[in-house]
Amino acid sequence: MIPARKNGYAIPALNVQNLESLTAVAEAAVEEKSPVILAISPSVVKYAGLPYIFCMAKAAAQSASVPMSIHLDHGEDFEIVARCVDAGFTSVMIDGSFLKLEDNIALTKKVVAMAHPKGVSVEAELGKLAGVEERTVEEKDAILTDPSVAKEFVEQTNVDALAVAIGTSHGAYKFKSEAKLDLKRLGTIGQKVSIPLVLHGASSVPQQLIEKANKYGAQLVNARGNSIEEIQKAIPLGIAKVNVDTDLRLAFLGAVREVLVNSPKQFDPRKILGPAKVAMKEIAKAKMQQFGSAGKA
């Protein structure tokens, strides 16, 4: 991520859940000649089993002609992070953002001390991701990352990347209107902190994906994500990694539902899930182009 921050582009961190999502992301990266981060959450580790999901990711990374990191996304405690480090993950995130500052610092330092000797990079988070459009100024400030605290945090923990809260949100049900990132706050953080900064909850929730899923029987309410233009403005200010999950899930959902509705006699899993892989691959390729990582491998 250091070259990304230095050269003004961001590497997509795309959440993978299963074989189809993993191969979709890996193939997209090779075709776009883009570095990519395979993001694996603790819930996916629990669902798929650590040996299974890691071995699939490792096979993708080893066979790819582009840099491909295997990353633990939002590790919630020391134990899951340690398990992933021991398994062979190349980077891990410890999310202590829900803790008091001093406890977040202590937990992050513990993870760094464990991971760095094994050559594993560590990401941490300051601030909380949530929809903030209807909050007061005081409430927003309590949620979003404080630039001065960010500098202190990085200096004390020796962390490799910092996830910042500047107005994004996790999940499909993000905002009633288009999200506005606090780019001024980000610019200040970027001036104080030299390590790569990370933007979580950065799906754009394209309306056509919601409309397609609903057309074939889903019941998704209208939602809006982060505009690509806003994310692109954030990248020169220090964002070197952009996390995307919801957009891939929506693409998967619409493609699977379309097959099931249009081909009710179909029972071959490959023919049901194959179109979903294609749909997710197109989303992954678009993110690589939009974030500027295409052609950088």
Protein backbone atom coordinates (compact mmCIF):
# COMPACT_ATOMS: atom_id res chain seq x y z
CA MET A 1 0.00 0.00 0.00
CA ILE A 2 2.97 2.33 0.42
CA PRO A 3 3.47 2.68 -3.37
CA ALA A 4 -0.27 3.31 -3.71
CA ARG A 5 -0.22 6.20 -1.28
CA LYS A 6 2.99 7.58 -2.75
CA ASN A 7 1.67 7.44 -6.31
CA GLY A 8 -1.92 8.53 -5.74
CA TYR A 9 -4.00 5.41 -6.29
CA ALA A 10 -5.81 2.97 -4.01
CA ILE A 11 -5.79 -0.81 -3.90
CA PRO A 12 -9.24 -2.42 -3.72
CA ALA A 13 -9.79 -4.68 -0.71
CA LEU A 14 -12.61 -6.88 -1.93
CA ASN A 15 -14.39 -9.21 0.47
CA VAL A 16 -14.49 -12.84 -0.60
CA GLN A 17 -16.96 -15.35 0.82
CA ASN A 18 -16.58 -18.51 -1.24
CA LEU A 19 -14.96 -19.98 -4.35
CA GLU A 20 -16.99 -17.89 -6.78
CA SER A 21 -16.26 -14.54 -5.15
CA LEU A 22 -12.60 -15.41 -4.70
CA THR A 23 -12.02 -16.44 -8.30
CA ALA A 24 -14.03 -13.45 -9.51
CA VAL A 25 -11.73 -11.06 -7.68
CA ALA A 26 -8.54 -12.93 -8.58
CA GLU A 27 -9.38 -13.13 -12.29
CA ALA A 28 -10.37 -9.47 -12.35
CA ALA A 29 -7.01 -8.48 -10.84
CA VAL A 30 -5.05 -10.48 -13.41
CA GLU A 31 -7.05 -9.12 -16.32
CA GLU A 32 -6.77 -5.54 -15.09
CA LYS A 33 -3.11 -5.96 -14.11
CA SER A 34 -4.02 -4.64 -10.68
CA PRO A 35 -2.76 -5.46 -7.20
CA VAL A 36 -5.64 -6.57 -5.00
CA ILE A 37 -6.37 -7.44 -1.39
CA LEU A 38 -8.45 -10.55 -0.72
CA ALA A 39 -10.39 -9.48 2.37
CA ILE A 40 -11.61 -12.31 4.60
CA SER A 41 -13.78 -11.48 7.62
CA PRO A 42 -14.01 -13.47 10.86
CA SER A 43 -17.56 -14.48 9.92
CA VAL A 44 -16.24 -16.01 6.69
CA VAL A 45 -13.53 -17.82 8.64
CA LYS A 46 -16.27 -19.26 10.84
CA TYR A 47 -18.51 -20.11 7.86
CA ALA A 48 -15.95 -21.67 5.54
CA GLY A 49 -13.35 -22.87 8.04
CA LEU A 50 -9.93 -21.25 8.28
CA PRO A 51 -7.98 -24.02 6.46
CA TYR A 52 -10.45 -24.07 3.56
CA ILE A 53 -10.75 -20.34 2.92
CA PHE A 54 -7.04 -19.71 3.41
CA CYS A 55 -5.95 -22.53 1.11
CA MET A 56 -8.26 -21.26 -1.64
CA ALA A 57 -6.93 -17.73 -1.23
CA LYS A 58 -3.34 -18.96 -1.14
CA ALA A 59 -3.88 -20.92 -4.36
CA ALA A 60 -5.25 -17.80 -6.04
CA ALA A 61 -2.37 -15.64 -4.82
CA GLN A 62 0.33 -18.12 -5.81
CA SER A 63 -1.04 -18.62 -9.31
CA ALA A 64 -1.68 -14.95 -10.01
CA SER A 65 0.67 -12.77 -12.03
CA VAL A 66 -0.14 -9.72 -9.87
CA PRO A 67 0.47 -8.87 -6.19
CA MET A 68 -2.33 -10.36 -4.10
CA SER A 69 -2.54 -9.99 -0.32
CA ILE A 70 -4.55 -12.32 1.93
CA HIS A 71 -6.02 -10.04 4.58
CA LEU A 72 -8.07 -10.53 7.74
CA ASP A 73 -10.78 -7.88 7.68
CA HIS A 74 -12.06 -6.52 11.01
CA GLY A 75 -10.41 -8.96 13.38
CA GLU A 76 -12.34 -8.36 16.58
CA ASP A 77 -9.91 -9.82 19.10
CA PHE A 78 -6.32 -10.97 19.52
CA GLU A 79 -7.19 -14.66 19.19
CA ILE A 80 -8.66 -14.53 15.67
CA VAL A 81 -5.80 -12.30 14.51
CA ALA A 82 -3.21 -14.72 15.92
CA ARG A 83 -4.91 -17.67 14.24
CA CYS A 84 -4.81 -15.93 10.88
CA VAL A 85 -1.19 -14.87 11.29
CA ASP A 86 -0.23 -18.45 12.13
CA ALA A 87 -2.23 -19.72 9.14
CA GLY A 88 -0.21 -17.56 6.75
CA PHE A 89 -2.25 -14.40 6.15
CA THR A 90 -0.03 -11.63 4.79
CA SER A 91 -1.88 -8.80 6.56
CA VAL A 92 -4.38 -8.49 9.39
CA MET A 93 -6.70 -5.86 10.78
CA ILE A 94 -7.31 -5.50 14.47
CA ASP A 95 -10.44 -3.45 15.03
CA GLY A 96 -10.36 -1.90 18.48
CA SER A 97 -12.38 1.13 17.43
CA PHE A 98 -15.15 0.20 19.87
CA LEU A 99 -12.69 0.38 22.79
CA LYS A 100 -11.47 3.34 24.79
CA LEU A 101 -8.45 4.96 23.12
CA GLU A 102 -5.94 3.59 25.61
CA ASP A 103 -7.36 0.08 25.26
CA ASN A 104 -7.34 0.32 21.46
CA ILE A 105 -3.69 1.38 21.59
CA ALA A 106 -2.77 -1.46 23.95
CA LEU A 107 -4.54 -4.11 21.85
CA THR A 108 -3.04 -2.81 18.61
CA LYS A 109 0.47 -2.75 20.10
CA LYS A 110 0.01 -6.37 21.20
CA VAL A 111 -0.99 -7.41 17.69
CA VAL A 112 1.89 -5.47 16.10
CA ALA A 113 4.39 -7.11 18.46
CA MET A 114 3.04 -10.53 17.45
CA ALA A 115 2.64 -9.95 13.71
CA HIS A 116 5.66 -7.87 12.67
CA PRO A 117 8.31 -10.48 13.56
CA LYS A 118 6.48 -12.85 11.21
CA GLY A 119 6.45 -10.35 8.36
CA VAL A 120 2.72 -9.64 8.61
CA SER A 121 1.48 -6.05 8.28
CA VAL A 122 -1.15 -4.67 10.64
CA GLU A 123 -4.10 -2.34 10.04
CA ALA A 124 -6.00 -0.69 12.88
CA GLU A 125 -9.02 1.60 13.08
CA LEU A 126 -9.88 4.88 14.77
CA GLY A 127 -13.41 6.25 14.81
CA LYS A 128 -16.64 4.43 14.09
CA LEU A 129 -18.36 3.79 10.77
CA ALA A 130 -21.99 4.84 10.78
CA GLY A 131 -24.43 6.91 8.78
CA VAL A 132 -23.93 10.46 10.07
CA GLU A 133 -26.09 12.68 7.86
CA GLU A 134 -28.71 13.38 10.54
CA ARG A 135 -26.38 13.77 13.51
CA THR A 136 -25.39 16.98 15.22
CA VAL A 137 -21.91 18.41 14.77
CA GLU A 138 -20.96 17.20 18.25
CA GLU A 139 -22.19 13.67 17.55
CA LYS A 140 -20.35 13.55 14.24
CA ASP A 141 -17.11 14.64 15.86
CA ALA A 142 -17.47 11.88 18.46
CA ILE A 143 -17.79 9.27 15.69
CA LEU A 144 -15.29 10.51 13.10
CA THR A 145 -11.52 10.15 13.39
CA ASP A 146 -9.75 12.95 15.27
CA PRO A 147 -6.63 13.94 13.27
CA SER A 148 -4.53 14.70 16.37
CA VAL A 149 -5.46 11.41 17.98
CA ALA A 150 -4.63 9.60 14.73
CA LYS A 151 -1.06 10.93 14.84
CA GLU A 152 -0.66 9.87 18.45
CA PHE A 153 -2.14 6.45 17.76
CA VAL A 154 0.19 5.71 14.84
CA GLU A 155 3.26 6.86 16.74
CA GLN A 156 2.44 4.73 19.79
CA THR A 157 1.42 1.55 17.97
CA ASN A 158 3.76 1.44 14.94
CA VAL A 159 0.81 0.19 12.91
CA ASP A 160 1.24 -0.14 9.12
CA ALA A 161 -2.13 1.21 7.94
CA LEU A 162 -4.92 3.16 9.58
CA ALA A 163 -8.63 2.88 8.82
CA VAL A 164 -10.28 6.25 9.30
CA ALA A 165 -13.93 7.20 9.81
CA ILE A 166 -14.84 10.16 7.61
CA GLY A 167 -18.49 9.44 6.88
CA THR A 168 -18.76 6.00 5.29
CA SER A 169 -20.97 3.18 6.55
CA HIS A 170 -21.07 -0.62 6.39
CA GLY A 171 -23.90 -2.57 4.81
CA ALA A 172 -26.46 -2.09 2.03
CA TYR A 173 -28.73 0.25 3.97
CA LYS A 174 -26.34 3.16 4.16
CA PHE A 175 -27.89 6.55 3.67
CA LYS A 176 -31.17 8.18 2.67
CA SER A 177 -29.24 10.47 0.36
CA GLU A 178 -25.81 10.43 -1.22
CA ALA A 179 -23.04 10.26 1.37
CA LYS A 180 -20.67 13.18 1.76
CA LEU A 181 -17.20 12.34 2.95
CA ASP A 182 -15.45 14.72 5.32
CA LEU A 183 -12.58 15.37 2.93
CA LYS A 184 -11.30 18.32 4.93
CA ARG A 185 -10.88 16.07 7.96
CA LEU A 186 -9.19 13.45 5.79
CA GLY A 187 -6.79 16.03 4.40
CA THR A 188 -5.74 17.01 7.91
CA ILE A 189 -5.25 13.37 8.89
CA GLY A 190 -3.20 12.80 5.76
CA GLN A 191 -0.92 15.70 6.66
CA LYS A 192 -0.33 14.35 10.15
CA VAL A 193 -0.09 10.63 9.31
CA SER A 194 2.26 9.36 6.62
CA ILE A 195 1.26 5.69 6.57
CA PRO A 196 -1.41 4.40 4.14
CA LEU A 197 -4.95 5.33 5.15
CA VAL A 198 -7.92 3.00 4.63
CA LEU A 199 -11.52 3.70 3.70
CA HIS A 200 -13.99 1.08 4.94
CA GLY A 201 -17.65 0.79 3.99
CA ALA A 202 -16.96 2.26 0.55
CA SER A 203 -19.48 0.44 -1.62
CA SER A 204 -21.38 2.71 -3.98
CA VAL A 205 -24.57 0.57 -3.97
CA PRO A 206 -25.42 1.04 -7.67
CA GLN A 207 -29.16 1.39 -8.11
CA GLN A 208 -29.19 -0.99 -11.06
CA LEU A 209 -27.97 -3.80 -8.81
CA ILE A 210 -30.79 -3.20 -6.34
CA GLU A 211 -33.32 -2.94 -9.16
CA LYS A 212 -32.17 -6.19 -10.74
CA ALA A 213 -32.31 -8.11 -7.45
CA ASN A 214 -35.79 -6.74 -6.72
CA LYS A 215 -36.95 -7.58 -10.25
CA TYR A 216 -36.26 -11.22 -9.51
CA GLY A 217 -37.90 -11.37 -6.10
CA ALA A 218 -35.58 -9.67 -3.62
CA GLN A 219 -37.02 -7.18 -1.19
CA LEU A 220 -34.25 -4.61 -0.88
CA VAL A 221 -35.20 -1.09 0.11
CA ASN A 222 -33.72 1.91 -1.64
CA ALA A 223 -30.27 2.73 -0.34
CA ARG A 224 -27.37 4.87 -1.40
CA GLY A 225 -23.68 4.38 -0.93
CA ASN A 226 -20.63 6.50 -1.56
CA SER A 227 -20.24 8.13 -4.95
CA ILE A 228 -17.20 7.08 -6.93
CA GLU A 229 -16.35 10.76 -7.36
CA GLU A 230 -16.15 11.25 -3.57
CA ILE A 231 -13.90 8.22 -3.19
CA GLN A 232 -11.67 9.41 -6.01
CA LYS A 233 -11.29 12.76 -4.26
CA ALA A 234 -10.24 10.95 -1.08
CA ILE A 235 -7.44 8.95 -2.70
CA PRO A 236 -4.97 11.84 -3.26
CA LEU A 237 -5.51 12.82 0.39
CA GLY A 238 -3.93 9.60 1.64
CA ILE A 239 -6.41 6.76 1.05
CA ALA A 240 -4.40 3.83 -0.29
CA LYS A 241 -6.85 0.98 0.39
CA VAL A 242 -10.59 1.01 -0.27
CA ASN A 243 -12.82 -1.74 1.13
CA VAL A 244 -15.80 -2.97 -0.88
CA ASP A 245 -18.18 -5.79 0.09
CA THR A 246 -21.83 -4.78 -0.39
CA ASP A 247 -21.54 -4.13 -4.14
CA LEU A 248 -20.17 -7.65 -4.68
CA ARG A 249 -22.97 -9.17 -2.61
CA LEU A 250 -25.62 -7.27 -4.55
CA ALA A 251 -24.15 -8.41 -7.87
CA PHE A 252 -24.14 -12.01 -6.60
CA LEU A 253 -27.73 -11.75 -5.38
CA GLY A 254 -29.16 -10.39 -8.61
CA ALA A 255 -27.38 -12.92 -10.81
CA VAL A 256 -28.41 -15.93 -8.74
CA ARG A 257 -32.03 -14.80 -8.50
CA GLU A 258 -32.19 -14.22 -12.24
CA VAL A 259 -31.10 -17.80 -12.95
CA LEU A 260 -33.50 -19.29 -10.43
CA VAL A 261 -36.45 -17.32 -11.81
CA ASN A 262 -35.70 -17.78 -15.50
CA SER A 263 -34.54 -21.42 -15.25
CA PRO A 264 -36.67 -23.03 -12.53
CA LYS A 265 -35.62 -26.53 -13.60
CA GLN A 266 -31.93 -25.76 -13.23
CA PHE A 267 -30.23 -27.70 -10.43
CA ASP A 268 -26.56 -27.57 -11.45
CA PRO A 269 -24.77 -25.38 -8.87
CA ARG A 270 -22.20 -24.34 -11.45
CA LYS A 271 -24.84 -22.96 -13.77
CA ILE A 272 -26.56 -21.19 -10.89
CA LEU A 273 -23.43 -19.68 -9.39
CA GLY A 274 -21.44 -19.21 -12.60
CA PRO A 275 -23.33 -16.06 -13.66
CA ALA A 276 -22.85 -14.68 -10.14
CA LYS A 277 -19.11 -15.06 -10.53
CA VAL A 278 -19.24 -13.14 -13.81
CA ALA A 279 -21.31 -10.36 -12.21
CA MET A 280 -18.92 -10.00 -9.27
CA LYS A 281 -15.93 -10.01 -11.59
CA GLU A 282 -17.33 -7.03 -13.48
CA ILE A 283 -17.77 -5.12 -10.22
CA ALA A 284 -14.22 -5.97 -9.16
CA LYS A 285 -12.77 -4.79 -12.48
CA ALA A 286 -14.73 -1.55 -12.26
CA LYS A 287 -13.33 -0.82 -8.78
CA MET A 288 -9.77 -1.38 -9.98
CA GLN A 289 -10.31 1.08 -12.81
CA GLN A 290 -12.08 3.63 -10.63
CA PHE A 291 -9.51 3.54 -7.82
CA GLY A 292 -6.58 3.81 -10.23
CA SER A 293 -4.92 0.47 -9.45
CA ALA A 294 -5.52 -1.03 -12.91
CA GLY A 295 -2.24 -1.36 -14.74
CA LYS A 296 -0.17 -0.82 -11.58
CA ALA A 297 0.85 -4.46 -11.06
